Protein backbone atom coordinates (compact mmCIF):
# COMPACT_ATOMS: atom_id res chain seq x y z
CA UNK A 1 -12.70 -40.91 89.33
CA UNK A 2 -9.37 -39.56 88.29
CA UNK A 3 -8.64 -37.57 85.22
CA UNK A 4 -9.83 -34.25 83.99
CA UNK A 5 -11.59 -32.11 86.57
CA UNK A 6 -15.18 -31.49 85.60
CA UNK A 7 -16.74 -28.14 86.30
CA UNK A 8 -20.47 -28.19 86.65
CA UNK A 9 -22.46 -25.67 84.70
CA UNK A 10 -25.81 -25.80 86.44
CA UNK A 11 -28.33 -23.54 84.80
CA UNK A 12 -31.38 -25.78 84.87
CA UNK A 13 -32.46 -28.72 87.04
CA UNK A 14 -32.00 -30.95 83.99
CA UNK A 15 -28.26 -30.19 84.25
CA UNK A 16 -28.23 -31.95 87.62
CA UNK A 17 -29.95 -34.99 86.15
CA UNK A 18 -27.34 -35.15 83.38
CA UNK A 19 -24.49 -34.83 85.90
CA UNK A 20 -25.88 -37.59 88.12
CA UNK A 21 -26.32 -39.86 85.09
CA UNK A 22 -22.71 -39.26 84.02
CA UNK A 23 -21.41 -40.05 87.51
CA UNK A 24 -23.49 -43.22 87.81
CA UNK A 25 -22.46 -44.40 84.34
CA UNK A 26 -18.80 -43.76 85.11
CA UNK A 27 -19.06 -45.66 88.39
CA UNK A 28 -20.65 -48.63 86.63
CA UNK A 29 -18.24 -48.55 83.69
CA UNK A 30 -15.16 -48.40 85.88
CA UNK A 31 -16.68 -50.61 88.59
CA UNK A 32 -15.84 -47.99 91.21
CA UNK A 33 -17.20 -47.42 94.65
CA UNK A 34 -17.16 -44.02 96.26
CA UNK A 35 -17.00 -43.23 99.94
CA UNK A 36 -20.60 -42.77 101.17
CA UNK A 37 -19.56 -39.57 102.98
CA UNK A 38 -18.41 -38.09 99.66
CA UNK A 39 -21.65 -39.15 97.95
CA UNK A 40 -23.60 -37.61 100.83
CA UNK A 41 -21.81 -34.30 100.36
CA UNK A 42 -22.53 -34.31 96.63
CA UNK A 43 -26.20 -35.08 97.24
CA UNK A 44 -26.41 -32.32 99.84
CA UNK A 45 -24.86 -29.77 97.47
CA UNK A 46 -27.11 -30.76 94.58
CA UNK A 47 -30.21 -30.59 96.78
CA UNK A 48 -29.11 -27.18 98.01
CA UNK A 49 -28.72 -26.01 94.42
CA UNK A 50 -32.19 -27.29 93.53
CA UNK A 51 -33.72 -25.52 96.54
CA UNK A 52 -31.99 -22.26 95.65
CA UNK A 53 -33.14 -22.60 92.03
CA UNK A 54 -36.76 -23.11 93.14
CA UNK A 55 -36.59 -20.14 95.52
CA UNK A 56 -35.21 -17.95 92.76
CA UNK A 57 -38.01 -19.00 90.39
CA UNK A 58 -40.61 -18.23 93.05
CA UNK A 59 -39.00 -14.85 93.71
CA UNK A 60 -39.02 -13.95 90.01
CA UNK A 61 -42.64 -15.07 89.64
CA UNK A 62 -43.69 -13.09 92.71
CA UNK A 63 -41.88 -10.00 91.44
CA UNK A 64 -43.65 -10.32 88.06
CA UNK A 65 -47.03 -10.80 89.75
CA UNK A 66 -46.50 -7.71 91.90
CA UNK A 67 -45.68 -5.69 88.80
CA UNK A 68 -48.82 -6.97 87.04
CA UNK A 69 -50.97 -6.10 90.07
CA UNK A 70 -49.43 -2.62 90.16
CA UNK A 71 -50.23 -2.09 86.47
CA UNK A 72 -53.81 -3.32 86.95
CA UNK A 73 -54.29 -0.96 89.91
CA UNK A 74 -52.94 1.95 87.90
CA UNK A 75 -55.31 1.18 85.02
CA UNK A 76 -58.25 0.85 87.39
CA UNK A 77 -57.41 4.17 89.05
CA UNK A 78 -57.02 5.85 85.66
CA UNK A 79 -60.39 4.47 84.53
CA UNK A 80 -62.01 5.55 87.79
CA UNK A 81 -60.56 9.06 87.51
CA UNK A 82 -61.78 9.51 83.92
CA UNK A 83 -65.26 8.21 84.80
CA UNK A 84 -65.89 10.72 87.60
CA UNK A 85 -68.47 13.39 86.96
CA UNK A 86 -66.84 16.80 86.55
CA UNK A 87 -67.41 19.57 89.04
CA UNK A 88 -67.51 17.41 92.15
């Protein structure tokens, strides 16, 4: 797999699928075999990236949910305060 160095731009999991397809196609086209240790390292790195991507998505979703809950609580408190009888 000589030639131009490829830099991965991984922004979405679909980018990993595209990268893997390119590598497999190149291996088939050039009838190449790669050291299993090297393939193992690539697989490990890609799986690590996917795990980090999932964790980041979960973090963002949790952060958004917390903000929504906070806003709901504030609205409920505001409605409760305006519904209280005066003078008590």
